[in-house]
Amino acid sequence: MPIDQAGVDGKIYDTFIEIISLNEKMMEEFTEAGNSIGKKSSLQKESKLLLLRNGA
């Protein structure tokens, strides 16, 4: 779509671009949260293994 749309077409285009931008930001946040949760889970598993190995 051309960037210089006017009227209703322009508003639809602007809204479409805004939705895409928000979706990209949301995916970045989900990816970051997933990585954080994965690291936390991995650390918890490692600490449980260490406790088991040390007889706790």
N, C-alpha and C. Protein backbone atom coordinates (compact mmCIF):
# COMPACT_ATOMS: atom_id res chain seq x y z
N MET A 1 0.84 -1.19 0.00
CA MET A 1 0.00 0.00 0.00
C MET A 1 0.88 1.24 0.00
N PRO A 2 0.50 2.24 -0.75
CA PRO A 2 1.26 3.49 -0.72
C PRO A 2 1.12 4.18 0.64
N ILE A 3 2.16 4.88 1.03
CA ILE A 3 2.16 5.54 2.33
C ILE A 3 1.24 6.76 2.35
N ASP A 4 1.04 7.41 1.22
CA ASP A 4 0.31 8.68 1.18
C ASP A 4 -1.19 8.52 0.92
N GLN A 5 -1.81 7.49 1.45
CA GLN A 5 -3.25 7.30 1.29
C GLN A 5 -4.00 8.38 2.07
N ALA A 6 -5.11 8.83 1.52
CA ALA A 6 -5.91 9.86 2.18
C ALA A 6 -7.27 9.29 2.56
N GLY A 7 -7.94 9.99 3.45
CA GLY A 7 -9.30 9.61 3.82
C GLY A 7 -9.37 8.29 4.57
N VAL A 8 -10.45 7.57 4.31
CA VAL A 8 -10.70 6.30 5.00
C VAL A 8 -9.58 5.30 4.70
N ASP A 9 -9.13 5.25 3.45
CA ASP A 9 -8.04 4.33 3.09
C ASP A 9 -6.79 4.62 3.92
N GLY A 10 -6.49 5.88 4.11
CA GLY A 10 -5.32 6.27 4.91
C GLY A 10 -5.47 5.87 6.36
N LYS A 11 -6.68 6.04 6.90
CA LYS A 11 -6.92 5.66 8.30
C LYS A 11 -6.81 4.15 8.47
N ILE A 12 -7.34 3.40 7.50
CA ILE A 12 -7.23 1.94 7.55
C ILE A 12 -5.76 1.53 7.50
N TYR A 13 -5.02 2.15 6.61
CA TYR A 13 -3.60 1.85 6.48
C TYR A 13 -2.86 2.16 7.78
N ASP A 14 -3.10 3.34 8.35
CA ASP A 14 -2.45 3.73 9.60
C ASP A 14 -2.78 2.75 10.72
N THR A 15 -4.04 2.35 10.81
CA THR A 15 -4.46 1.41 11.84
C THR A 15 -3.80 0.06 11.63
N PHE A 16 -3.73 -0.38 10.39
CA PHE A 16 -3.09 -1.65 10.05
C PHE A 16 -1.62 -1.64 10.48
N ILE A 17 -0.92 -0.57 10.16
CA ILE A 17 0.50 -0.44 10.52
C ILE A 17 0.65 -0.42 12.04
N GLU A 18 -0.25 0.27 12.73
CA GLU A 18 -0.20 0.32 14.20
C GLU A 18 -0.40 -1.07 14.80
N ILE A 19 -1.34 -1.83 14.25
CA ILE A 19 -1.59 -3.19 14.73
C ILE A 19 -0.36 -4.07 14.53
N ILE A 20 0.26 -3.96 13.38
CA ILE A 20 1.48 -4.74 13.10
C ILE A 20 2.57 -4.37 14.10
N SER A 21 2.74 -3.08 14.34
CA SER A 21 3.76 -2.62 15.28
C SER A 21 3.49 -3.15 16.69
N LEU A 22 2.23 -3.08 17.12
CA LEU A 22 1.88 -3.59 18.45
C LEU A 22 2.10 -5.09 18.54
N ASN A 23 1.78 -5.82 17.48
CA ASN A 23 2.00 -7.27 17.46
C ASN A 23 3.49 -7.60 17.56
N GLU A 24 4.32 -6.83 16.88
CA GLU A 24 5.77 -7.05 16.95
C GLU A 24 6.28 -6.82 18.37
N LYS A 25 5.81 -5.74 19.01
CA LYS A 25 6.22 -5.46 20.39
C LYS A 25 5.75 -6.56 21.33
N MET A 26 4.53 -7.03 21.12
CA MET A 26 3.98 -8.09 21.97
C MET A 26 4.80 -9.38 21.81
N MET A 27 5.17 -9.71 20.59
CA MET A 27 5.97 -10.92 20.36
C MET A 27 7.34 -10.80 21.03
N GLU A 28 7.93 -9.61 20.98
CA GLU A 28 9.21 -9.39 21.66
C GLU A 28 9.06 -9.61 23.16
N GLU A 29 7.97 -9.09 23.74
CA GLU A 29 7.73 -9.26 25.17
C GLU A 29 7.47 -10.72 25.52
N PHE A 30 6.70 -11.43 24.69
CA PHE A 30 6.44 -12.85 24.94
C PHE A 30 7.74 -13.66 24.86
N THR A 31 8.57 -13.33 23.88
CA THR A 31 9.85 -14.02 23.73
C THR A 31 10.72 -13.78 24.95
N GLU A 32 10.79 -12.52 25.39
CA GLU A 32 11.59 -12.18 26.57
C GLU A 32 11.05 -12.89 27.81
N ALA A 33 9.74 -12.90 27.98
CA ALA A 33 9.14 -13.58 29.13
C ALA A 33 9.41 -15.07 29.07
N GLY A 34 9.28 -15.66 27.90
CA GLY A 34 9.54 -17.10 27.75
C GLY A 34 10.98 -17.44 28.08
N ASN A 35 11.90 -16.62 27.62
CA ASN A 35 13.31 -16.85 27.92
C ASN A 35 13.57 -16.72 29.41
N SER A 36 12.96 -15.73 30.03
CA SER A 36 13.13 -15.52 31.47
C SER A 36 12.56 -16.69 32.26
N ILE A 37 11.38 -17.14 31.88
CA ILE A 37 10.75 -18.28 32.56
C ILE A 37 11.59 -19.54 32.36
N GLY A 38 12.09 -19.73 31.16
CA GLY A 38 12.93 -20.89 30.87
C GLY A 38 14.19 -20.90 31.70
N LYS A 39 14.83 -19.75 31.85
CA LYS A 39 16.04 -19.65 32.66
C LYS A 39 15.73 -19.93 34.12
N LYS A 40 14.61 -19.37 34.60
CA LYS A 40 14.23 -19.58 36.00
C LYS A 40 13.96 -21.06 36.25
N SER A 41 13.25 -21.69 35.35
CA SER A 41 12.93 -23.11 35.48
C SER A 41 14.20 -23.95 35.47
N SER A 42 15.11 -23.61 34.57
CA SER A 42 16.37 -24.33 34.48
C SER A 42 17.18 -24.18 35.76
N LEU A 43 17.22 -22.97 36.31
CA LEU A 43 17.95 -22.74 37.55
C LEU A 43 17.33 -23.50 38.71
N GLN A 44 16.00 -23.56 38.75
CA GLN A 44 15.32 -24.30 39.81
C GLN A 44 15.64 -25.79 39.71
N LYS A 45 15.65 -26.32 38.51
CA LYS A 45 15.98 -27.74 38.32
C LYS A 45 17.41 -28.02 38.76
N GLU A 46 18.33 -27.13 38.38
CA GLU A 46 19.73 -27.32 38.74
C GLU A 46 19.91 -27.26 40.25
N SER A 47 19.24 -26.32 40.93
CA SER A 47 19.39 -26.23 42.37
C SER A 47 18.79 -27.44 43.07
N LYS A 48 17.69 -27.99 42.54
CA LYS A 48 17.12 -29.20 43.12
C LYS A 48 18.08 -30.37 42.97
N LEU A 49 18.71 -30.47 41.80
CA LEU A 49 19.68 -31.54 41.58
C LEU A 49 20.86 -31.41 42.53
N LEU A 50 21.34 -30.19 42.72
CA LEU A 50 22.45 -29.97 43.65
C LEU A 50 22.06 -30.35 45.07
N LEU A 51 20.85 -30.00 45.47
CA LEU A 51 20.38 -30.36 46.81
C LEU A 51 20.30 -31.88 46.96
N LEU A 52 19.79 -32.55 45.93
CA LEU A 52 19.69 -34.01 45.98
C LEU A 52 21.07 -34.66 46.03
N ARG A 53 21.99 -34.13 45.28
CA ARG A 53 23.36 -34.68 45.27
C ARG A 53 24.05 -34.48 46.61
N ASN A 54 23.73 -33.38 47.27
CA ASN A 54 24.37 -33.07 48.54
C ASN A 54 23.62 -33.67 49.72
N GLY A 55 22.60 -34.46 49.46
CA GLY A 55 21.90 -35.16 50.52
C GLY A 55 20.89 -34.32 51.28
N ALA A 56 20.43 -33.26 50.70
CA ALA A 56 19.44 -32.43 51.40
C ALA A 56 18.04 -32.93 51.15
